[in-house]
mmCIF file of all heavy atoms, coordinates in Angstrom:
data_MODEL
# 
_entry.id   MODEL 
# 
loop_
_atom_site.group_PDB 
_atom_site.id 
_atom_site.type_symbol 
_atom_site.label_atom_id 
_atom_site.label_alt_id 
_atom_site.label_comp_id 
_atom_site.label_asym_id 
_atom_site.label_entity_id 
_atom_site.label_seq_id 
_atom_site.pdbx_PDB_ins_code 
_atom_site.Cartn_x 
_atom_site.Cartn_y 
_atom_site.Cartn_z 
_atom_site.occupancy 
_atom_site.B_iso_or_equiv 
_atom_site.pdbx_formal_charge 
_atom_site.auth_seq_id 
_atom_site.auth_comp_id 
_atom_site.auth_asym_id 
_atom_site.auth_atom_id 
_atom_site.pdbx_PDB_model_num 
ATOM 1   N N   . VAL A 1 1  ? 0.833  -1.257  -0.003 1.00 0.00 ? 1  VAL A N   1 
ATOM 2   C CA  . VAL A 1 1  ? -0.023 -0.051  0.025  1.00 0.00 ? 1  VAL A CA  1 
ATOM 3   C C   . VAL A 1 1  ? 0.907  1.288   0.038  1.00 0.00 ? 1  VAL A C   1 
ATOM 4   O O   . VAL A 1 1  ? 2.028  1.194   0.428  1.00 0.00 ? 1  VAL A O   1 
ATOM 5   C CB  . VAL A 1 1  ? -1.015 0.002   1.268  1.00 0.00 ? 1  VAL A CB  1 
ATOM 6   C CG1 . VAL A 1 1  ? -2.024 -1.030  1.210  1.00 0.00 ? 1  VAL A CG1 1 
ATOM 7   C CG2 . VAL A 1 1  ? -0.194 0.008   2.498  1.00 0.00 ? 1  VAL A CG2 1 
ATOM 8   N N   . GLU A 1 2  ? 0.326  2.379   -0.489 1.00 0.00 ? 2  GLU A N   1 
ATOM 9   C CA  . GLU A 1 2  ? 0.984  3.618   -0.371 1.00 0.00 ? 2  GLU A CA  1 
ATOM 10  C C   . GLU A 1 2  ? -0.169 4.730   -0.370 1.00 0.00 ? 2  GLU A C   1 
ATOM 11  O O   . GLU A 1 2  ? -1.251 4.629   -0.909 1.00 0.00 ? 2  GLU A O   1 
ATOM 12  C CB  . GLU A 1 2  ? 1.866  3.896   -1.562 1.00 0.00 ? 2  GLU A CB  1 
ATOM 13  C CG  . GLU A 1 2  ? 1.224  3.673   -2.995 1.00 0.00 ? 2  GLU A CG  1 
ATOM 14  C CD  . GLU A 1 2  ? 2.276  3.744   -4.095 1.00 0.00 ? 2  GLU A CD  1 
ATOM 15  O OE1 . GLU A 1 2  ? 3.372  4.272   -3.819 1.00 0.00 ? 2  GLU A OE1 1 
ATOM 16  O OE2 . GLU A 1 2  ? 1.950  3.378   -5.219 1.00 0.00 ? 2  GLU A OE2 1 
ATOM 17  N N   . GLY A 1 3  ? 0.249  5.860   0.243  1.00 0.00 ? 3  GLY A N   1 
ATOM 18  C CA  . GLY A 1 3  ? -0.661 7.012   0.325  1.00 0.00 ? 3  GLY A CA  1 
ATOM 19  C C   . GLY A 1 3  ? 0.109  8.280   0.297  1.00 0.00 ? 3  GLY A C   1 
ATOM 20  O O   . GLY A 1 3  ? 1.136  8.376   0.847  1.00 0.00 ? 3  GLY A O   1 
ATOM 21  N N   . THR A 1 4  ? -0.558 9.333   -0.359 1.00 0.00 ? 4  THR A N   1 
ATOM 22  C CA  . THR A 1 4  ? -0.027 10.611  -0.378 1.00 0.00 ? 4  THR A CA  1 
ATOM 23  C C   . THR A 1 4  ? -1.075 11.644  -0.175 1.00 0.00 ? 4  THR A C   1 
ATOM 24  O O   . THR A 1 4  ? -2.232 11.399  -0.742 1.00 0.00 ? 4  THR A O   1 
ATOM 25  C CB  . THR A 1 4  ? 0.667  10.875  -1.817 1.00 0.00 ? 4  THR A CB  1 
ATOM 26  O OG1 . THR A 1 4  ? 1.561  9.853   -2.068 1.00 0.00 ? 4  THR A OG1 1 
ATOM 27  C CG2 . THR A 1 4  ? 1.291  12.258  -1.850 1.00 0.00 ? 4  THR A CG2 1 
ATOM 28  N N   . GLY A 1 5  ? -0.875 12.630  0.550  1.00 0.00 ? 5  GLY A N   1 
ATOM 29  C CA  . GLY A 1 5  ? -1.820 13.713  0.696  1.00 0.00 ? 5  GLY A CA  1 
ATOM 30  C C   . GLY A 1 5  ? -2.065 14.059  2.196  1.00 0.00 ? 5  GLY A C   1 
ATOM 31  O O   . GLY A 1 5  ? -1.135 13.706  2.989  1.00 0.00 ? 5  GLY A O   1 
ATOM 32  N N   . ASN A 1 6  ? -3.078 14.854  2.518  1.00 0.00 ? 6  ASN A N   1 
ATOM 33  C CA  . ASN A 1 6  ? -3.195 15.315  3.860  1.00 0.00 ? 6  ASN A CA  1 
ATOM 34  C C   . ASN A 1 6  ? -4.225 14.445  4.619  1.00 0.00 ? 6  ASN A C   1 
ATOM 35  O O   . ASN A 1 6  ? -4.311 14.705  5.863  1.00 0.00 ? 6  ASN A O   1 
ATOM 36  C CB  . ASN A 1 6  ? -3.621 16.778  3.839  1.00 0.00 ? 6  ASN A CB  1 
ATOM 37  C CG  . ASN A 1 6  ? -5.006 16.948  3.168  1.00 0.00 ? 6  ASN A CG  1 
ATOM 38  O OD1 . ASN A 1 6  ? -5.574 16.033  2.580  1.00 0.00 ? 6  ASN A OD1 1 
ATOM 39  N ND2 . ASN A 1 6  ? -5.381 18.252  2.961  1.00 0.00 ? 6  ASN A ND2 1 
ATOM 40  N N   . SER A 1 7  ? -4.839 13.466  3.993  1.00 0.00 ? 7  SER A N   1 
ATOM 41  C CA  . SER A 1 7  ? -5.774 12.645  4.802  1.00 0.00 ? 7  SER A CA  1 
ATOM 42  C C   . SER A 1 7  ? -6.010 11.352  4.010  1.00 0.00 ? 7  SER A C   1 
ATOM 43  O O   . SER A 1 7  ? -6.597 11.493  2.948  1.00 0.00 ? 7  SER A O   1 
ATOM 44  C CB  . SER A 1 7  ? -7.011 13.393  5.139  1.00 0.00 ? 7  SER A CB  1 
ATOM 45  O OG  . SER A 1 7  ? -7.902 12.601  5.969  1.00 0.00 ? 7  SER A OG  1 
ATOM 46  N N   . PHE A 1 8  ? -5.678 10.234  4.374  1.00 0.00 ? 8  PHE A N   1 
ATOM 47  C CA  . PHE A 1 8  ? -5.851 9.087   3.650  1.00 0.00 ? 8  PHE A CA  1 
ATOM 48  C C   . PHE A 1 8  ? -5.798 7.777   4.554  1.00 0.00 ? 8  PHE A C   1 
ATOM 49  O O   . PHE A 1 8  ? -5.358 7.816   5.637  1.00 0.00 ? 8  PHE A O   1 
ATOM 50  C CB  . PHE A 1 8  ? -4.860 8.949   2.462  1.00 0.00 ? 8  PHE A CB  1 
ATOM 51  C CG  . PHE A 1 8  ? -3.485 8.890   2.925  1.00 0.00 ? 8  PHE A CG  1 
ATOM 52  C CD1 . PHE A 1 8  ? -2.836 7.785   3.392  1.00 0.00 ? 8  PHE A CD1 1 
ATOM 53  C CD2 . PHE A 1 8  ? -2.707 10.086  2.840  1.00 0.00 ? 8  PHE A CD2 1 
ATOM 54  C CE1 . PHE A 1 8  ? -1.527 7.729   3.854  1.00 0.00 ? 8  PHE A CE1 1 
ATOM 55  C CE2 . PHE A 1 8  ? -1.453 10.088  3.299  1.00 0.00 ? 8  PHE A CE2 1 
ATOM 56  C CZ  . PHE A 1 8  ? -0.832 8.944   3.762  1.00 0.00 ? 8  PHE A CZ  1 
ATOM 57  N N   . PHE A 1 9  ? -6.295 6.713   4.011  1.00 0.00 ? 9  PHE A N   1 
ATOM 58  C CA  . PHE A 1 9  ? -6.258 5.424   4.666  1.00 0.00 ? 9  PHE A CA  1 
ATOM 59  C C   . PHE A 1 9  ? -6.209 4.354   3.580  1.00 0.00 ? 9  PHE A C   1 
ATOM 60  O O   . PHE A 1 9  ? -7.085 4.394   2.597  1.00 0.00 ? 9  PHE A O   1 
ATOM 61  C CB  . PHE A 1 9  ? -7.406 5.152   5.627  1.00 0.00 ? 9  PHE A CB  1 
ATOM 62  C CG  . PHE A 1 9  ? -7.348 3.723   6.192  1.00 0.00 ? 9  PHE A CG  1 
ATOM 63  C CD1 . PHE A 1 9  ? -6.541 3.405   7.220  1.00 0.00 ? 9  PHE A CD1 1 
ATOM 64  C CD2 . PHE A 1 9  ? -8.173 2.763   5.604  1.00 0.00 ? 9  PHE A CD2 1 
ATOM 65  C CE1 . PHE A 1 9  ? -6.512 2.143   7.757  1.00 0.00 ? 9  PHE A CE1 1 
ATOM 66  C CE2 . PHE A 1 9  ? -8.249 1.378   6.186  1.00 0.00 ? 9  PHE A CE2 1 
ATOM 67  C CZ  . PHE A 1 9  ? -7.377 1.154   7.196  1.00 0.00 ? 9  PHE A CZ  1 
ATOM 68  N N   . ALA A 1 10 ? -5.311 3.453   3.528  1.00 0.00 ? 10 ALA A N   1 
ATOM 69  C CA  . ALA A 1 10 ? -5.203 2.330   2.611  1.00 0.00 ? 10 ALA A CA  1 
ATOM 70  C C   . ALA A 1 10 ? -4.727 0.962   3.390  1.00 0.00 ? 10 ALA A C   1 
ATOM 71  O O   . ALA A 1 10 ? -3.782 1.121   4.201  1.00 0.00 ? 10 ALA A O   1 
ATOM 72  C CB  . ALA A 1 10 ? -4.367 2.599   1.450  1.00 0.00 ? 10 ALA A CB  1 
ATOM 73  N N   . ARG A 1 11 ? -5.355 -0.103  3.097  1.00 0.00 ? 11 ARG A N   1 
ATOM 74  C CA  . ARG A 1 11 ? -5.009 -1.379  3.774  1.00 0.00 ? 11 ARG A CA  1 
ATOM 75  C C   . ARG A 1 11 ? -5.048 -2.527  2.757  1.00 0.00 ? 11 ARG A C   1 
ATOM 76  O O   . ARG A 1 11 ? -6.047 -2.590  1.881  1.00 0.00 ? 11 ARG A O   1 
ATOM 77  C CB  . ARG A 1 11 ? -5.828 -1.568  4.911  1.00 0.00 ? 11 ARG A CB  1 
ATOM 78  C CG  . ARG A 1 11 ? -5.413 -2.867  5.648  1.00 0.00 ? 11 ARG A CG  1 
ATOM 79  C CD  . ARG A 1 11 ? -6.402 -3.091  6.849  1.00 0.00 ? 11 ARG A CD  1 
ATOM 80  N NE  . ARG A 1 11 ? -6.192 -4.382  7.518  1.00 0.00 ? 11 ARG A NE  1 
ATOM 81  C CZ  . ARG A 1 11 ? -5.296 -4.576  8.546  1.00 0.00 ? 11 ARG A CZ  1 
ATOM 82  N NH1 . ARG A 1 11 ? -4.583 -3.483  9.008  1.00 0.00 ? 11 ARG A NH1 1 
ATOM 83  N NH2 . ARG A 1 11 ? -5.128 -5.783  9.078  1.00 0.00 ? 11 ARG A NH2 1 
ATOM 84  N N   . ALA A 1 12 ? -4.082 -3.399  2.805  1.00 0.00 ? 12 ALA A N   1 
ATOM 85  C CA  . ALA A 1 12 ? -4.190 -4.600  1.890  1.00 0.00 ? 12 ALA A CA  1 
ATOM 86  C C   . ALA A 1 12 ? -3.904 -5.857  2.777  1.00 0.00 ? 12 ALA A C   1 
ATOM 87  O O   . ALA A 1 12 ? -3.077 -5.767  3.626  1.00 0.00 ? 12 ALA A O   1 
ATOM 88  C CB  . ALA A 1 12 ? -3.179 -4.468  0.748  1.00 0.00 ? 12 ALA A CB  1 
ATOM 89  N N   . GLU A 1 13 ? -4.634 -6.838  2.613  1.00 0.00 ? 13 GLU A N   1 
ATOM 90  C CA  . GLU A 1 13 ? -4.453 -8.127  3.435  1.00 0.00 ? 13 GLU A CA  1 
ATOM 91  C C   . GLU A 1 13 ? -4.401 -9.256  2.340  1.00 0.00 ? 13 GLU A C   1 
ATOM 92  O O   . GLU A 1 13 ? -5.120 -9.356  1.390  1.00 0.00 ? 13 GLU A O   1 
ATOM 93  C CB  . GLU A 1 13 ? -5.666 -8.330  4.305  1.00 0.00 ? 13 GLU A CB  1 
ATOM 94  C CG  . GLU A 1 13 ? -5.849 -7.245  5.310  1.00 0.00 ? 13 GLU A CG  1 
ATOM 95  C CD  . GLU A 1 13 ? -7.145 -7.476  6.025  1.00 0.00 ? 13 GLU A CD  1 
ATOM 96  O OE1 . GLU A 1 13 ? -7.827 -8.527  5.844  1.00 0.00 ? 13 GLU A OE1 1 
ATOM 97  O OE2 . GLU A 1 13 ? -7.596 -6.598  6.821  1.00 0.00 ? 13 GLU A OE2 1 
ATOM 98  N N   . SER A 1 14 ? -3.535 -10.280 2.587  1.00 0.00 ? 14 SER A N   1 
ATOM 99  C CA  . SER A 1 14 ? -3.293 -11.344 1.820  1.00 0.00 ? 14 SER A CA  1 
ATOM 100 C C   . SER A 1 14 ? -3.155 -12.671 2.664  1.00 0.00 ? 14 SER A C   1 
ATOM 101 O O   . SER A 1 14 ? -2.471 -12.500 3.629  1.00 0.00 ? 14 SER A O   1 
ATOM 102 C CB  . SER A 1 14 ? -2.343 -11.233 0.682  1.00 0.00 ? 14 SER A CB  1 
ATOM 103 O OG  . SER A 1 14 ? -1.163 -10.813 1.276  1.00 0.00 ? 14 SER A OG  1 
ATOM 104 N N   . ALA A 1 15 ? -3.475 -13.757 2.172  1.00 0.00 ? 15 ALA A N   1 
ATOM 105 C CA  . ALA A 1 15 ? -3.229 -14.969 2.878  1.00 0.00 ? 15 ALA A CA  1 
ATOM 106 C C   . ALA A 1 15 ? -3.262 -16.125 2.013  1.00 0.00 ? 15 ALA A C   1 
ATOM 107 O O   . ALA A 1 15 ? -4.058 -16.205 0.981  1.00 0.00 ? 15 ALA A O   1 
ATOM 108 C CB  . ALA A 1 15 ? -4.262 -15.171 4.058  1.00 0.00 ? 15 ALA A CB  1 
ATOM 109 N N   . SER A 1 16 ? -2.511 -17.189 2.273  1.00 0.00 ? 16 SER A N   1 
ATOM 110 C CA  . SER A 1 16 ? -2.576 -18.476 1.457  1.00 0.00 ? 16 SER A CA  1 
ATOM 111 C C   . SER A 1 16 ? -2.163 -19.580 2.334  1.00 0.00 ? 16 SER A C   1 
ATOM 112 O O   . SER A 1 16 ? -1.422 -19.481 3.380  1.00 0.00 ? 16 SER A O   1 
ATOM 113 C CB  . SER A 1 16 ? -1.791 -18.412 0.271  1.00 0.00 ? 16 SER A CB  1 
ATOM 114 O OG  . SER A 1 16 ? -0.362 -18.164 0.624  1.00 0.00 ? 16 SER A OG  1 
ATOM 115 N N   . ALA A 1 17 ? -2.517 -20.834 1.869  1.00 0.00 ? 17 ALA A N   1 
ATOM 116 C CA  . ALA A 1 17 ? -2.289 -21.986 2.712  1.00 0.00 ? 17 ALA A CA  1 
ATOM 117 C C   . ALA A 1 17 ? -2.197 -23.222 1.710  1.00 0.00 ? 17 ALA A C   1 
ATOM 118 O O   . ALA A 1 17 ? -2.855 -23.278 0.766  1.00 0.00 ? 17 ALA A O   1 
ATOM 119 C CB  . ALA A 1 17 ? -3.296 -22.204 3.777  1.00 0.00 ? 17 ALA A CB  1 
ATOM 120 N N   . VAL A 1 18 ? -1.298 -24.185 2.159  1.00 0.00 ? 18 VAL A N   1 
ATOM 121 C CA  . VAL A 1 18 ? -1.313 -25.440 1.469  1.00 0.00 ? 18 VAL A CA  1 
ATOM 122 C C   . VAL A 1 18 ? -1.338 -26.571 2.508  1.00 0.00 ? 18 VAL A C   1 
ATOM 123 O O   . VAL A 1 18 ? -0.870 -26.351 3.668  1.00 0.00 ? 18 VAL A O   1 
ATOM 124 C CB  . VAL A 1 18 ? -0.013 -25.670 0.635  1.00 0.00 ? 18 VAL A CB  1 
ATOM 125 C CG1 . VAL A 1 18 ? -0.063 -24.619 -0.588 1.00 0.00 ? 18 VAL A CG1 1 
ATOM 126 C CG2 . VAL A 1 18 ? 1.187  -25.437 1.496  1.00 0.00 ? 18 VAL A CG2 1 
ATOM 127 N N   . LEU A 1 19 ? -2.038 -27.603 2.266  1.00 0.00 ? 19 LEU A N   1 
ATOM 128 C CA  . LEU A 1 19 ? -2.229 -28.711 3.206  1.00 0.00 ? 19 LEU A CA  1 
ATOM 129 C C   . LEU A 1 19 ? -2.194 -30.118 2.482  1.00 0.00 ? 19 LEU A C   1 
ATOM 130 O O   . LEU A 1 19 ? -2.774 -30.235 1.445  1.00 0.00 ? 19 LEU A O   1 
ATOM 131 C CB  . LEU A 1 19 ? -3.572 -28.604 3.907  1.00 0.00 ? 19 LEU A CB  1 
ATOM 132 C CG  . LEU A 1 19 ? -3.903 -29.563 4.994  1.00 0.00 ? 19 LEU A CG  1 
ATOM 133 C CD1 . LEU A 1 19 ? -4.679 -28.960 6.212  1.00 0.00 ? 19 LEU A CD1 1 
ATOM 134 C CD2 . LEU A 1 19 ? -4.686 -30.702 4.417  1.00 0.00 ? 19 LEU A CD2 1 
ATOM 135 N N   . GLY A 1 20 ? -1.453 -30.951 3.112  1.00 0.00 ? 20 GLY A N   1 
ATOM 136 C CA  . GLY A 1 20 ? -1.490 -32.334 2.532  1.00 0.00 ? 20 GLY A CA  1 
ATOM 137 C C   . GLY A 1 20 ? -1.813 -33.362 3.513  1.00 0.00 ? 20 GLY A C   1 
ATOM 138 O O   . GLY A 1 20 ? -1.309 -33.211 4.756  1.00 0.00 ? 20 GLY A O   1 
ATOM 139 N N   . ASN A 1 21 ? -2.428 -34.493 3.141  1.00 0.00 ? 21 ASN A N   1 
ATOM 140 C CA  . ASN A 1 21 ? -2.780 -35.523 4.088  1.00 0.00 ? 21 ASN A CA  1 
ATOM 141 C C   . ASN A 1 21 ? -1.873 -36.785 3.630  1.00 0.00 ? 21 ASN A C   1 
ATOM 142 O O   . ASN A 1 21 ? -1.839 -37.117 2.497  1.00 0.00 ? 21 ASN A O   1 
ATOM 143 C CB  . ASN A 1 21 ? -4.302 -35.876 3.939  1.00 0.00 ? 21 ASN A CB  1 
ATOM 144 C CG  . ASN A 1 21 ? -4.605 -37.060 4.796  1.00 0.00 ? 21 ASN A CG  1 
ATOM 145 O OD1 . ASN A 1 21 ? -4.418 -36.987 5.957  1.00 0.00 ? 21 ASN A OD1 1 
ATOM 146 N ND2 . ASN A 1 21 ? -5.057 -38.113 4.173  1.00 0.00 ? 21 ASN A ND2 1 
ATOM 147 N N   . PHE A 1 22 ? -1.197 -37.422 4.587  1.00 0.00 ? 22 PHE A N   1 
ATOM 148 C CA  . PHE A 1 22 ? -0.278 -38.530 4.425  1.00 0.00 ? 22 PHE A CA  1 
ATOM 149 C C   . PHE A 1 22 ? -0.541 -39.707 5.233  1.00 0.00 ? 22 PHE A C   1 
ATOM 150 O O   . PHE A 1 22 ? -0.828 -39.461 6.456  1.00 0.00 ? 22 PHE A O   1 
ATOM 151 C CB  . PHE A 1 22 ? 1.245  -38.055 4.636  1.00 0.00 ? 22 PHE A CB  1 
ATOM 152 C CG  . PHE A 1 22 ? 1.460  -36.881 3.715  1.00 0.00 ? 22 PHE A CG  1 
ATOM 153 C CD1 . PHE A 1 22 ? 1.275  -35.517 4.105  1.00 0.00 ? 22 PHE A CD1 1 
ATOM 154 C CD2 . PHE A 1 22 ? 2.311  -37.079 2.543  1.00 0.00 ? 22 PHE A CD2 1 
ATOM 155 C CE1 . PHE A 1 22 ? 1.758  -34.483 3.355  1.00 0.00 ? 22 PHE A CE1 1 
ATOM 156 C CE2 . PHE A 1 22 ? 2.757  -36.029 1.839  1.00 0.00 ? 22 PHE A CE2 1 
ATOM 157 C CZ  . PHE A 1 22 ? 2.394  -34.729 2.195  1.00 0.00 ? 22 PHE A CZ  1 
ATOM 158 N N   . SER A 1 23 ? -0.524 -40.856 4.722  1.00 0.00 ? 23 SER A N   1 
ATOM 159 C CA  . SER A 1 23 ? -0.667 -42.086 5.493  1.00 0.00 ? 23 SER A CA  1 
ATOM 160 C C   . SER A 1 23 ? 0.827  -42.565 5.711  1.00 0.00 ? 23 SER A C   1 
ATOM 161 O O   . SER A 1 23 ? 1.445  -43.104 4.725  1.00 0.00 ? 23 SER A O   1 
ATOM 162 C CB  . SER A 1 23 ? -1.516 -43.107 4.715  1.00 0.00 ? 23 SER A CB  1 
ATOM 163 O OG  . SER A 1 23 ? -2.860 -42.557 4.575  1.00 0.00 ? 23 SER A OG  1 
ATOM 164 N N   . ILE A 1 24 ? 1.155  -42.667 6.992  1.00 0.00 ? 24 ILE A N   1 
ATOM 165 C CA  . ILE A 1 24 ? 2.545  -43.085 7.230  1.00 0.00 ? 24 ILE A CA  1 
ATOM 166 C C   . ILE A 1 24 ? 2.540  -44.534 7.869  1.00 0.00 ? 24 ILE A C   1 
ATOM 167 O O   . ILE A 1 24 ? 1.757  -44.907 8.768  1.00 0.00 ? 24 ILE A O   1 
ATOM 168 C CB  . ILE A 1 24 ? 3.162  -42.195 8.344  1.00 0.00 ? 24 ILE A CB  1 
ATOM 169 C CG1 . ILE A 1 24 ? 3.096  -40.702 7.893  1.00 0.00 ? 24 ILE A CG1 1 
ATOM 170 C CG2 . ILE A 1 24 ? 4.627  -42.460 8.572  1.00 0.00 ? 24 ILE A CG2 1 
ATOM 171 C CD1 . ILE A 1 24 ? 3.616  -40.490 6.531  1.00 0.00 ? 24 ILE A CD1 1 
ATOM 172 N N   . LEU A 1 25 ? 3.185  -45.548 7.229  1.00 0.00 ? 25 LEU A N   1 
ATOM 173 C CA  . LEU A 1 25 ? 3.170  -46.900 7.617  1.00 0.00 ? 25 LEU A CA  1 
ATOM 174 C C   . LEU A 1 25 ? 4.045  -47.093 8.769  1.00 0.00 ? 25 LEU A C   1 
ATOM 175 O O   . LEU A 1 25 ? 4.856  -46.215 9.228  1.00 0.00 ? 25 LEU A O   1 
ATOM 176 C CB  . LEU A 1 25 ? 3.813  -47.755 6.450  1.00 0.00 ? 25 LEU A CB  1 
ATOM 177 C CG  . LEU A 1 25 ? 3.037  -47.640 5.013  1.00 0.00 ? 25 LEU A CG  1 
ATOM 178 C CD1 . LEU A 1 25 ? 3.827  -48.290 4.028  1.00 0.00 ? 25 LEU A CD1 1 
ATOM 179 C CD2 . LEU A 1 25 ? 1.642  -48.052 5.219  1.00 0.00 ? 25 LEU A CD2 1 
ATOM 180 N N   . PRO A 1 26 ? 3.770  -48.154 9.561  1.00 0.00 ? 26 PRO A N   1 
ATOM 181 C CA  . PRO A 1 26 ? 4.539  -48.461 10.716 1.00 0.00 ? 26 PRO A CA  1 
ATOM 182 C C   . PRO A 1 26 ? 6.079  -48.471 10.444 1.00 0.00 ? 26 PRO A C   1 
ATOM 183 O O   . PRO A 1 26 ? 6.586  -49.012 9.589  1.00 0.00 ? 26 PRO A O   1 
ATOM 184 C CB  . PRO A 1 26 ? 4.108  -49.955 11.099 1.00 0.00 ? 26 PRO A CB  1 
ATOM 185 C CG  . PRO A 1 26 ? 2.675  -50.000 10.530 1.00 0.00 ? 26 PRO A CG  1 
ATOM 186 C CD  . PRO A 1 26 ? 2.761  -49.233 9.226  1.00 0.00 ? 26 PRO A CD  1 
ATOM 187 N N   . GLY A 1 27 ? 6.804  -47.637 11.381 1.00 0.00 ? 27 GLY A N   1 
ATOM 188 C CA  . GLY A 1 27 ? 8.239  -47.620 11.144 1.00 0.00 ? 27 GLY A CA  1 
ATOM 189 C C   . GLY A 1 27 ? 8.686  -46.694 10.051 1.00 0.00 ? 27 GLY A C   1 
ATOM 190 O O   . GLY A 1 27 ? 9.896  -46.488 9.767  1.00 0.00 ? 27 GLY A O   1 
# 
Protein backbone atom coordinates (compact mmCIF):
# COMPACT_ATOMS: atom_id res chain seq x y z
CA VAL A 1 0.00 0.00 0.00
CA GLU A 2 0.96 3.64 -0.44
CA GLY A 3 -0.67 6.96 0.31
CA THR A 4 -0.02 10.62 -0.42
CA GLY A 5 -1.87 13.70 0.72
CA ASN A 6 -3.21 15.32 3.86
CA SER A 7 -5.75 12.64 4.78
CA PHE A 8 -5.92 9.03 3.62
CA PHE A 9 -6.20 5.40 4.64
CA ALA A 10 -5.27 2.27 2.67
CA ARG A 11 -4.94 -1.35 3.72
CA ALA A 12 -4.20 -4.62 1.94
CA GLU A 13 -4.47 -8.14 3.35
CA SER A 14 -3.40 -11.41 1.78
CA ALA A 15 -3.25 -15.01 2.94
CA SER A 16 -2.58 -18.44 1.48
CA ALA A 17 -2.26 -22.00 2.72
CA VAL A 18 -1.30 -25.46 1.50
CA LEU A 19 -2.25 -28.71 3.20
CA GLY A 20 -1.45 -32.34 2.49
CA ASN A 21 -2.74 -35.54 4.05
CA PHE A 22 -0.28 -38.46 4.38
CA SER A 23 -0.64 -42.09 5.47
CA ILE A 24 2.55 -43.11 7.29
CA LEU A 25 3.22 -46.85 7.55
CA PRO A 26 4.57 -48.48 10.75
CA GLY A 27 8.24 -47.62 11.18
